[in-house]
Amino acid sequence: MCGLLKLVKAKLIFANLVVMKVAGQKLERSMGDKAVVNPRHNKAEVFARLRDAHAREVTEDYVEMIGDLIAEEGEARSVALAERFGVTAATVNNTIKRLERDGFVTSRPYRAIFLTEKGEALAKKCRERHQIVYNFLVSIGVDPEIAEFDAEGIEHHVSEETLAVFERVAKSSV
């Protein structure tokens, strides 16, 4: 594990200064330094962002899965979504209603579910984020099978700034 940590540190040194956003405030840190956070930082803002990310996670997972089902099987049906997510048909139906209301999908009872342009754009963005996180994890030595599993959770909670650093690190290791 010590070697893995050294590898991660070495790959991130090129970035020398990582700028991340935490609740809208800039946080700067150099490698080896502790993060310096504005003392007025409000933790409630961090938790609010985390709750928002959790709410988006379901939308993103469903839109991405609907796109995958359409690509693999030619259509996406509620029963297939319930099977893949391991949830009840009622859970899928409630989520699909919300996705319809939010403009990501169109559907009719007992028919296939289709992505709107907005849904297709979100699915594409989610796939790209997932691939960046996966590539980063593999580039720092995580087993590909574990990286696939971990990327599924991380992709929904990583900021654009951190995602950009992940992408740079992954590309620099190729």
Protein backbone atom coordinates (compact mmCIF):
# COMPACT_ATOMS: atom_id res chain seq x y z
CA MET A 1 0.00 0.00 0.00
CA CYS A 2 2.90 2.33 0.76
CA GLY A 3 4.11 2.00 -2.83
CA LEU A 4 0.64 2.87 -4.12
CA LEU A 5 0.55 6.00 -1.99
CA LYS A 6 4.00 7.04 -3.28
CA LEU A 7 2.78 6.48 -6.84
CA VAL A 8 -0.31 8.61 -6.26
CA LYS A 9 1.77 11.37 -4.69
CA ALA A 10 4.29 11.27 -7.52
CA LYS A 11 1.56 11.49 -10.15
CA LEU A 12 -0.04 14.46 -8.44
CA ILE A 13 3.19 16.42 -7.88
CA PHE A 14 3.06 17.69 -11.46
CA ALA A 15 -0.07 19.58 -10.48
CA ASN A 16 1.96 21.30 -7.69
CA LEU A 17 -1.07 23.31 -6.68
CA VAL A 18 -4.52 21.80 -6.67
CA VAL A 19 -7.41 24.18 -6.52
CA MET A 20 -10.66 22.66 -5.39
CA LYS A 21 -14.02 24.21 -4.70
CA VAL A 22 -15.68 23.47 -1.42
CA ALA A 23 -19.13 24.97 -1.01
CA GLY A 24 -18.31 27.75 -3.45
CA GLN A 25 -15.13 28.80 -1.64
CA LYS A 26 -11.67 28.16 -3.02
CA LEU A 27 -9.41 25.86 -1.05
CA GLU A 28 -5.74 25.79 -1.97
CA ARG A 29 -3.18 23.23 -0.99
CA SER A 30 0.27 22.20 -2.06
CA MET A 31 1.38 18.61 -1.99
CA GLY A 32 2.29 17.73 1.57
CA ASP A 33 0.56 20.76 3.04
CA LYS A 34 -2.64 20.58 4.99
CA ALA A 35 -5.59 22.18 3.29
CA VAL A 36 -6.26 25.74 4.32
CA VAL A 37 -9.97 26.30 4.70
CA ASN A 38 -11.59 29.65 5.27
CA PRO A 39 -12.56 29.65 8.98
CA ARG A 40 -15.99 31.00 8.04
CA HIS A 41 -16.61 27.86 6.02
CA ASN A 42 -20.09 26.56 6.77
CA LYS A 43 -20.27 22.77 6.99
CA ALA A 44 -24.00 22.92 6.35
CA GLU A 45 -23.18 24.02 2.80
CA VAL A 46 -21.01 20.95 2.30
CA PHE A 47 -23.77 18.65 3.49
CA ALA A 48 -26.31 20.47 1.30
CA ARG A 49 -24.07 19.84 -1.72
CA LEU A 50 -23.73 16.20 -0.71
CA ARG A 51 -27.52 15.78 -0.46
CA ASP A 52 -27.89 17.37 -3.91
CA ALA A 53 -25.29 14.96 -5.29
CA HIS A 54 -27.19 12.00 -3.82
CA ALA A 55 -30.42 13.21 -5.41
CA ARG A 56 -28.71 13.62 -8.81
CA GLU A 57 -27.12 10.19 -8.47
CA VAL A 58 -30.43 8.34 -8.97
CA THR A 59 -31.31 10.47 -11.99
CA GLU A 60 -27.88 9.96 -13.51
CA ASP A 61 -27.88 6.20 -12.87
CA TYR A 62 -31.31 5.74 -14.45
CA VAL A 63 -30.57 7.90 -17.49
CA GLU A 64 -27.26 6.13 -18.04
CA MET A 65 -28.87 2.68 -17.64
CA ILE A 66 -31.74 3.56 -20.01
CA GLY A 67 -29.17 4.62 -22.61
CA ASP A 68 -27.21 1.39 -22.07
CA LEU A 69 -30.36 -0.75 -22.43
CA ILE A 70 -31.34 1.03 -25.63
CA ALA A 71 -27.84 0.48 -27.03
CA GLU A 72 -27.72 -3.19 -25.97
CA GLU A 73 -31.30 -4.33 -26.49
CA GLY A 74 -32.85 -1.70 -28.76
CA GLU A 75 -35.22 -0.52 -26.04
CA ALA A 76 -35.48 0.15 -22.31
CA ARG A 77 -38.36 -1.29 -20.34
CA SER A 78 -39.30 -0.90 -16.70
CA VAL A 79 -38.91 -4.60 -16.00
CA ALA A 80 -35.31 -4.54 -17.29
CA LEU A 81 -34.52 -1.48 -15.17
CA ALA A 82 -35.99 -3.16 -12.07
CA GLU A 83 -33.91 -6.26 -12.75
CA ARG A 84 -30.65 -4.36 -13.33
CA PHE A 85 -31.07 -2.08 -10.30
CA GLY A 86 -32.49 -4.79 -8.05
CA VAL A 87 -35.55 -2.71 -7.13
CA THR A 88 -39.30 -3.16 -7.43
CA ALA A 89 -41.37 -2.22 -10.46
CA ALA A 90 -43.09 0.43 -8.31
CA THR A 91 -39.73 2.07 -7.53
CA VAL A 92 -38.86 2.14 -11.23
CA ASN A 93 -42.26 3.55 -12.18
CA ASN A 94 -42.01 6.34 -9.61
CA THR A 95 -38.51 7.22 -10.79
CA ILE A 96 -39.56 7.18 -14.46
CA LYS A 97 -42.46 9.54 -13.65
CA ARG A 98 -39.99 11.94 -12.02
CA LEU A 99 -37.59 11.65 -14.98
CA GLU A 100 -40.49 12.41 -17.34
CA ARG A 101 -41.50 15.42 -15.26
CA ASP A 102 -37.90 16.67 -15.32
CA GLY A 103 -37.66 16.23 -19.10
CA PHE A 104 -35.12 13.38 -19.28
CA VAL A 105 -37.35 10.60 -20.67
CA THR A 106 -40.62 9.90 -22.44
CA SER A 107 -42.71 6.80 -21.82
CA ARG A 108 -46.18 5.31 -21.98
CA PRO A 109 -47.63 2.52 -19.87
CA TYR A 110 -46.50 -0.93 -21.08
CA ARG A 111 -44.20 0.65 -23.66
CA ALA A 112 -40.48 1.28 -23.95
CA ILE A 113 -38.81 4.25 -22.27
CA PHE A 114 -36.90 6.71 -24.44
CA LEU A 115 -34.36 9.40 -23.60
CA THR A 116 -35.09 12.95 -24.65
CA GLU A 117 -32.26 15.13 -25.99
CA LYS A 118 -31.76 16.36 -22.44
CA GLY A 119 -31.60 12.75 -21.22
CA GLU A 120 -29.17 11.71 -23.95
CA ALA A 121 -26.90 14.64 -23.10
CA LEU A 122 -26.91 13.71 -19.41
CA ALA A 123 -26.26 10.02 -20.18
CA LYS A 124 -23.29 10.98 -22.36
CA LYS A 125 -21.89 13.26 -19.66
CA CYS A 126 -22.29 10.50 -17.05
CA ARG A 127 -20.49 7.95 -19.23
CA GLU A 128 -17.62 10.39 -19.79
CA ARG A 129 -17.33 11.15 -16.05
CA HIS A 130 -17.40 7.44 -15.26
CA GLN A 131 -14.65 6.73 -17.80
CA ILE A 132 -12.42 9.51 -16.44
CA VAL A 133 -12.78 8.25 -12.85
CA TYR A 134 -12.23 4.65 -13.96
CA ASN A 135 -9.12 5.57 -15.99
CA PHE A 136 -7.73 7.53 -13.04
CA LEU A 137 -8.24 4.67 -10.60
CA VAL A 138 -6.62 2.16 -12.96
CA SER A 139 -3.72 4.57 -13.60
CA ILE A 140 -2.89 4.65 -9.88
CA GLY A 141 -2.91 0.87 -9.65
CA VAL A 142 -6.46 -0.06 -8.65
CA ASP A 143 -7.55 -3.44 -10.02
CA PRO A 144 -9.84 -2.81 -13.04
CA GLU A 145 -12.74 -4.77 -11.53
CA ILE A 146 -12.57 -2.76 -8.30
CA ALA A 147 -12.06 0.46 -10.25
CA GLU A 148 -15.26 -0.21 -12.21
CA PHE A 149 -17.24 -0.63 -8.98
CA ASP A 150 -15.66 2.37 -7.23
CA ALA A 151 -16.02 4.64 -10.26
CA GLU A 152 -19.77 4.07 -10.18
CA GLY A 153 -20.02 5.83 -6.82
CA ILE A 154 -17.28 8.41 -7.18
CA GLU A 155 -18.48 9.76 -10.55
CA HIS A 156 -21.54 11.35 -8.92
CA HIS A 157 -19.70 13.13 -6.14
CA VAL A 158 -16.54 14.53 -7.71
CA SER A 159 -16.27 18.21 -8.62
CA GLU A 160 -15.38 19.39 -12.12
CA GLU A 161 -12.01 20.63 -10.80
CA THR A 162 -11.15 17.27 -9.26
CA LEU A 163 -12.38 15.47 -12.37
CA ALA A 164 -10.00 17.57 -14.47
CA VAL A 165 -7.10 16.57 -12.21
CA PHE A 166 -8.15 12.89 -12.46
CA GLU A 167 -8.13 13.20 -16.23
CA ARG A 168 -4.67 14.83 -16.30
CA VAL A 169 -3.20 12.19 -14.01
CA ALA A 170 -4.72 9.33 -16.03
CA LYS A 171 -3.45 10.79 -19.32
CA SER A 172 0.03 11.43 -17.93
CA SER A 173 0.41 7.77 -16.98
CA VAL A 174 -0.31 6.45 -20.48
